[in-house]
Amino acid sequence: MNHFCTITTADHLFKTWTLFDSIRAIQADSFMHVLCVDQQPQDILDENIAFYSLADLSDMPSARTILSKYNSSKDKLRWSFKPIFLSYLLEKKADKVVYTDNDIYFCGDYTFIFDLLDSYDFLLTPHHYPRNPNKDQNWLEANFKVGLYNAGFIGVNKNAIKDLTWWAECCAYRCEKNPLRGIFDDQKYLDLIPVMNERAYIIRHKGCNVAEWNKTLISRSERDGKVYLDDSNPLIFVHFNGTTMRAIAEGEEPILAPLFNQYLYNLRKYRHGIKAQELYNIPGIIDRVKYRIWKLATDLSL
């Protein structure tokens, strides 16, 4: 049985169920562990899914520091509890665990990822941001300011607990977007993992963690109804975060558009009538102003 986990808030559980459906469509006996940082769900729809609260993890290293420091921010709790939740599951539930953000959607056979964890302790996927030093250099610099690896996907086995404990300590120290300090939430710390652990592995399969940010470096193509990356890598999973969905809506990712329609159809099983714009538009005037200020500050720092 393959063990996945994710971290969510109650209002995004519909994405969690859709993620799990995509996982089960490929391997029916897979198991999903879900940490919900606020309210727990009232109804459990599947025996192969288990829910956890922050209180369940309160005795893990760094957990209480993070709880007291970031109690007012659900986002920081979600980000900072990734290494803690993974350590907890490795200690109590499984020998190998894959973490994914709940806006990831699996489309191809992912079992090779778990096979890699027989040989490697810590799996990472690069962002594959553009890196041309002669054009759009802000993207080149983003590699070093935002992080080389995407924290929306992590694979670990029991030998990674030491690295996860260190990562949790880093999140307890600071979890913030601060380019001047070289910090980007929980994510930038991952740059050191391959330096610290020689059994860390960078997944080179271009079909893993496909998203808007890698569309420049990784080509998309379609053959016989299937999507391929760089012509030869079958699509394994897409990261349907806001920027990816917005790029599809604006016609920048036409090959991914049918898959997004499928994703939206499946989301509506758990949140009836939801519109695509609700998923990638930033709600509320205050949130929009905050976003514009943050984006301006980020652009200037880049």
Protein backbone atom coordinates (compact mmCIF):
# COMPACT_ATOMS: atom_id res chain seq x y z
CA MET A 1 0.00 0.00 0.00
CA ASN A 2 1.33 3.42 -0.96
CA HIS A 3 0.92 6.19 1.62
CA PHE A 4 0.26 9.81 0.63
CA CYS A 5 -0.37 12.80 2.83
CA THR A 6 -1.51 16.38 2.50
CA ILE A 7 -2.32 19.35 4.74
CA THR A 8 -5.47 21.40 4.32
CA THR A 9 -8.01 23.72 5.83
CA ALA A 10 -11.65 22.67 6.04
CA ASP A 11 -12.74 24.99 3.24
CA HIS A 12 -10.33 23.26 0.83
CA LEU A 13 -11.33 19.70 1.61
CA PHE A 14 -13.03 19.45 -1.79
CA LYS A 15 -9.56 19.66 -3.36
CA THR A 16 -8.28 16.99 -0.98
CA TRP A 17 -11.03 14.57 -2.02
CA THR A 18 -10.30 15.25 -5.70
CA LEU A 19 -6.59 14.68 -5.15
CA PHE A 20 -7.36 11.38 -3.46
CA ASP A 21 -9.68 10.32 -6.28
CA SER A 22 -6.88 10.90 -8.78
CA ILE A 23 -4.51 8.81 -6.66
CA ARG A 24 -7.01 5.96 -6.24
CA ALA A 25 -7.81 5.94 -9.97
CA ILE A 26 -4.24 4.77 -10.57
CA GLN A 27 -3.77 2.47 -7.58
CA ALA A 28 -6.95 1.57 -5.72
CA ASP A 29 -5.41 0.51 -2.40
CA SER A 30 -3.44 3.72 -1.83
CA PHE A 31 -3.92 5.44 1.53
CA MET A 32 -4.25 9.16 2.24
CA HIS A 33 -3.36 10.87 5.54
CA VAL A 34 -4.80 14.37 5.93
CA LEU A 35 -3.79 16.98 8.49
CA CYS A 36 -6.60 19.54 8.84
CA VAL A 37 -5.31 22.67 10.58
CA ASP A 38 -8.74 23.94 11.63
CA GLN A 39 -12.06 22.07 11.80
CA GLN A 40 -12.18 18.34 11.35
CA PRO A 41 -14.57 16.91 8.72
CA GLN A 42 -17.87 15.56 9.94
CA ASP A 43 -18.14 12.69 7.48
CA ILE A 44 -15.34 10.38 6.36
CA LEU A 45 -16.16 9.21 2.85
CA ASP A 46 -13.56 6.46 2.48
CA GLU A 47 -11.93 3.88 4.75
CA ASN A 48 -8.56 4.51 3.04
CA ILE A 49 -8.30 8.05 4.34
CA ALA A 50 -7.44 9.22 7.86
CA PHE A 51 -7.68 12.71 9.34
CA TYR A 52 -5.43 14.29 11.96
CA SER A 53 -5.51 17.49 13.98
CA LEU A 54 -2.68 19.75 15.08
CA ALA A 55 -3.23 18.46 18.61
CA ASP A 56 -2.34 14.95 17.43
CA LEU A 57 1.13 16.21 16.49
CA SER A 58 1.72 18.57 19.43
CA ASP A 59 4.38 16.36 21.04
CA MET A 60 6.53 16.19 17.90
CA PRO A 61 9.79 18.22 17.85
CA SER A 62 9.24 21.94 17.06
CA ALA A 63 5.45 21.49 16.96
CA ARG A 64 4.66 23.58 20.04
CA THR A 65 7.03 26.36 18.98
CA ILE A 66 5.38 26.54 15.58
CA LEU A 67 1.88 26.39 17.08
CA SER A 68 2.58 29.29 19.42
CA LYS A 69 4.47 31.35 16.83
CA TYR A 70 2.10 30.97 13.85
CA ASN A 71 -1.21 30.33 15.55
CA SER A 72 -2.84 33.29 13.78
CA SER A 73 -1.80 32.17 10.27
CA LYS A 74 -3.33 29.03 8.78
CA ASP A 75 -0.95 29.29 5.82
CA LYS A 76 2.16 29.29 8.00
CA LEU A 77 0.78 26.39 10.02
CA ARG A 78 0.17 24.39 6.83
CA TRP A 79 3.65 25.11 5.50
CA SER A 80 5.55 24.63 8.75
CA PHE A 81 3.81 21.40 9.71
CA LYS A 82 4.88 19.54 6.55
CA PRO A 83 8.11 18.14 8.03
CA ILE A 84 6.39 17.48 11.36
CA PHE A 85 3.51 15.58 9.78
CA LEU A 86 5.85 13.57 7.58
CA SER A 87 8.01 12.63 10.59
CA TYR A 88 4.92 11.62 12.57
CA LEU A 89 3.69 9.34 9.78
CA LEU A 90 7.12 7.76 9.29
CA GLU A 91 7.38 7.04 13.00
CA LYS A 92 3.86 5.66 13.45
CA LYS A 93 2.21 4.71 10.15
CA ALA A 94 4.46 3.89 7.18
CA ASP A 95 8.03 3.33 6.00
CA LYS A 96 7.60 5.60 2.95
CA VAL A 97 5.34 8.63 2.55
CA VAL A 98 4.74 11.10 -0.28
CA TYR A 99 3.48 14.57 0.59
CA THR A 100 1.56 16.56 -2.04
CA ASP A 101 -0.27 19.86 -1.86
CA ASN A 102 -4.00 19.30 -2.20
CA ASP A 103 -4.12 21.16 -5.54
CA ILE A 104 -2.06 18.45 -7.24
CA TYR A 105 -3.80 16.06 -9.63
CA PHE A 106 -2.37 12.71 -10.73
CA CYS A 107 -2.80 11.60 -14.34
CA GLY A 108 -0.15 8.89 -14.83
CA ASP A 109 1.46 5.94 -13.09
CA TYR A 110 3.25 7.31 -10.03
CA THR A 111 4.38 3.99 -8.55
CA PHE A 112 7.99 4.52 -9.67
CA ILE A 113 8.14 7.38 -7.13
CA PHE A 114 7.67 4.93 -4.27
CA ASP A 115 10.19 2.57 -5.87
CA LEU A 116 12.75 5.39 -5.74
CA LEU A 117 12.27 5.54 -1.98
CA ASP A 118 13.76 2.06 -1.74
CA SER A 119 17.10 3.57 -2.81
CA TYR A 120 16.83 7.21 -1.76
CA ASP A 121 15.73 8.95 1.44
CA PHE A 122 14.38 12.28 0.22
CA LEU A 123 12.77 13.07 -3.15
CA LEU A 124 12.55 16.58 -4.60
CA THR A 125 11.16 18.08 -7.81
CA PRO A 126 12.83 21.18 -9.32
CA HIS A 127 10.72 24.18 -10.24
CA HIS A 128 12.47 24.39 -13.63
CA TYR A 129 12.08 28.15 -13.60
CA PRO A 130 13.50 29.91 -16.69
CA ARG A 131 17.22 30.53 -16.19
CA ASN A 132 18.38 32.58 -19.17
CA PRO A 133 20.95 35.19 -17.99
CA ASN A 134 20.34 37.30 -21.11
CA LYS A 135 16.54 37.59 -21.04
CA ASP A 136 13.91 37.93 -18.31
CA GLN A 137 16.66 37.69 -15.71
CA ASN A 138 14.14 38.08 -12.90
CA TRP A 139 13.32 34.40 -13.47
CA LEU A 140 16.99 33.45 -13.25
CA GLU A 141 17.15 35.23 -9.90
CA ALA A 142 13.88 33.65 -8.76
CA ASN A 143 15.65 30.29 -8.67
CA PHE A 144 17.80 31.63 -5.85
CA LYS A 145 15.14 33.70 -4.08
CA VAL A 146 12.08 31.43 -4.24
CA GLY A 147 13.87 28.09 -4.20
CA LEU A 148 15.20 25.45 -6.56
CA TYR A 149 12.63 22.86 -5.46
CA ASN A 150 8.88 22.97 -5.09
CA ALA A 151 7.65 22.27 -1.57
CA GLY A 152 4.30 21.05 -2.93
CA PHE A 153 5.79 17.60 -3.43
CA ILE A 154 8.11 15.69 -1.08
CA GLY A 155 8.90 11.97 -0.91
CA VAL A 156 10.60 10.50 2.17
CA ASN A 157 11.45 7.26 3.92
CA LYS A 158 12.36 6.62 7.56
CA ASN A 159 15.99 7.59 7.00
CA ALA A 160 14.85 11.16 6.27
CA ILE A 161 13.55 11.85 9.79
CA LYS A 162 16.78 13.63 10.76
CA ASP A 163 16.45 15.97 7.75
CA LEU A 164 12.75 16.53 8.46
CA THR A 165 13.54 17.45 12.06
CA TRP A 166 16.07 20.02 10.81
CA TRP A 167 13.52 21.38 8.30
CA ALA A 168 10.94 21.76 11.07
CA GLU A 169 13.48 23.65 13.18
CA CYS A 170 14.10 25.99 10.23
CA CYS A 171 10.37 26.65 9.90
CA ALA A 172 10.20 27.34 13.64
CA TYR A 173 13.02 29.85 13.19
CA ARG A 174 11.36 31.74 10.31
CA CYS A 175 8.55 30.97 7.90
CA GLU A 176 8.18 34.07 5.76
CA LYS A 177 8.78 35.52 2.31
CA ASN A 178 11.96 37.48 2.90
CA PRO A 179 14.33 37.66 -0.10
CA LEU A 180 16.82 39.77 1.86
CA ARG A 181 17.27 36.92 4.34
CA GLY A 182 17.25 34.28 1.62
CA ILE A 183 14.01 32.77 2.97
CA PHE A 184 10.80 31.82 1.20
CA ASP A 185 8.29 30.27 3.63
CA ASP A 186 9.12 26.58 4.18
CA GLN A 187 10.40 26.10 0.64
CA LYS A 188 13.82 27.74 0.31
CA TYR A 189 15.26 25.56 3.07
CA LEU A 190 14.91 22.56 0.75
CA ASP A 191 17.86 23.83 -1.32
CA LEU A 192 20.18 22.42 1.38
CA ILE A 193 18.70 18.92 1.50
CA PRO A 194 20.85 17.44 -1.34
CA VAL A 195 23.91 19.02 0.32
CA MET A 196 23.07 17.53 3.71
CA ASN A 197 21.96 14.08 2.56
CA GLU A 198 23.82 12.23 -0.20
CA ARG A 199 20.81 9.93 -0.51
CA ALA A 200 18.54 12.80 -1.53
CA TYR A 201 17.29 12.44 -5.10
CA ILE A 202 16.18 15.08 -7.59
CA ILE A 203 13.41 13.67 -9.77
CA ARG A 204 14.34 14.38 -13.40
CA HIS A 205 11.13 13.01 -14.90
CA LYS A 206 9.65 16.09 -16.57
CA GLY A 207 6.11 14.78 -16.15
CA CYS A 208 6.24 15.34 -12.38
CA ASN A 209 4.96 18.60 -10.89
CA VAL A 210 3.99 20.20 -14.19
CA ALA A 211 2.92 23.81 -13.62
CA GLU A 212 2.82 27.25 -15.19
CA TRP A 213 6.26 28.13 -13.84
CA ASN A 214 8.00 25.44 -15.93
CA LYS A 215 6.17 25.99 -19.22
CA THR A 216 9.13 27.90 -20.71
CA LEU A 217 11.71 25.17 -20.13
CA ILE A 218 9.53 22.08 -20.51
CA SER A 219 7.59 21.71 -23.75
CA ARG A 220 4.10 20.18 -23.81
CA SER A 221 2.80 17.97 -26.59
CA GLU A 222 -0.14 15.63 -27.17
CA ARG A 223 -0.20 12.21 -28.87
CA ASP A 224 -3.04 9.72 -28.96
CA GLY A 225 -4.93 11.64 -26.31
CA LYS A 226 -2.01 11.71 -23.85
CA VAL A 227 0.14 14.63 -22.73
CA TYR A 228 3.93 14.41 -22.94
CA LEU A 229 6.60 16.71 -21.60
CA ASP A 230 9.72 17.31 -23.69
CA ASP A 231 8.23 14.81 -26.17
CA SER A 232 9.09 11.66 -24.23
CA ASN A 233 7.99 12.07 -20.60
CA PRO A 234 4.35 11.08 -19.96
CA LEU A 235 2.43 13.39 -17.67
CA ILE A 236 2.40 12.07 -14.08
CA PHE A 237 0.94 14.93 -12.07
CA VAL A 238 -0.06 18.57 -12.52
CA HIS A 239 0.13 21.28 -9.88
CA PHE A 240 -3.15 23.16 -10.34
CA ASN A 241 -2.25 26.15 -8.24
CA GLY A 242 -3.64 29.60 -9.03
CA THR A 243 -0.97 30.58 -11.55
CA THR A 244 -1.33 27.33 -13.48
CA MET A 245 -5.12 27.59 -13.67
CA ARG A 246 -4.95 31.26 -14.63
CA ALA A 247 -2.44 30.47 -17.41
CA ILE A 248 -4.82 27.82 -18.76
CA ALA A 249 -7.78 30.21 -18.61
CA GLU A 250 -5.78 32.86 -20.49
CA GLY A 251 -4.82 30.44 -23.26
CA GLU A 252 -1.17 30.07 -22.31
CA GLU A 253 -1.42 26.30 -21.64
CA PRO A 254 -3.74 24.95 -24.35
CA ILE A 255 -2.53 21.35 -24.06
CA LEU A 256 -3.38 21.28 -20.36
CA ALA A 257 -6.82 22.82 -20.88
CA PRO A 258 -8.75 19.51 -21.39
CA LEU A 259 -7.14 18.13 -18.24
CA PHE A 260 -8.15 21.23 -16.30
CA ASN A 261 -11.74 20.75 -17.49
CA GLN A 262 -11.59 17.20 -16.15
CA TYR A 263 -10.14 18.46 -12.87
CA LEU A 264 -12.89 21.07 -12.56
CA TYR A 265 -15.55 18.42 -13.28
CA ASN A 266 -14.17 16.25 -10.48
CA LEU A 267 -13.93 19.17 -8.04
CA ARG A 268 -17.63 19.80 -8.58
CA LYS A 269 -18.44 16.39 -7.14
CA TYR A 270 -17.44 17.84 -3.77
CA ARG A 271 -18.25 21.53 -4.25
CA HIS A 272 -21.24 21.79 -6.55
CA GLY A 273 -21.32 24.61 -9.05
CA ILE A 274 -17.86 25.99 -8.34
CA LYS A 275 -16.56 28.11 -11.20
CA ALA A 276 -13.02 28.10 -12.54
CA GLN A 277 -12.58 31.78 -11.71
CA GLU A 278 -13.27 31.07 -8.05
CA LEU A 279 -10.22 28.81 -7.98
CA TYR A 280 -7.64 31.22 -9.34
CA ASN A 281 -9.03 34.70 -8.74
CA ILE A 282 -7.95 36.40 -5.55
CA PRO A 283 -11.14 37.10 -3.53
CA GLY A 284 -11.92 40.34 -1.79
CA ILE A 285 -10.56 43.83 -2.31
CA ILE A 286 -8.26 43.65 0.74
CA ASP A 287 -6.72 40.38 -0.43
CA ARG A 288 -6.25 41.82 -3.92
CA VAL A 289 -4.48 44.89 -2.55
CA LYS A 290 -2.27 42.68 -0.36
CA TYR A 291 -1.44 40.52 -3.36
CA ARG A 292 -0.51 43.54 -5.51
CA ILE A 293 1.71 44.97 -2.76
CA TRP A 294 3.42 41.61 -2.23
CA LYS A 295 3.90 41.10 -5.98
CA LEU A 296 5.34 44.59 -6.41
CA ALA A 297 7.73 44.02 -3.50
CA THR A 298 8.74 40.64 -4.91
CA ASP A 299 9.29 42.04 -8.41
CA LEU A 300 11.44 44.84 -7.02
CA SER A 301 13.48 42.43 -4.92
CA LEU A 302 13.99 40.22 -7.96
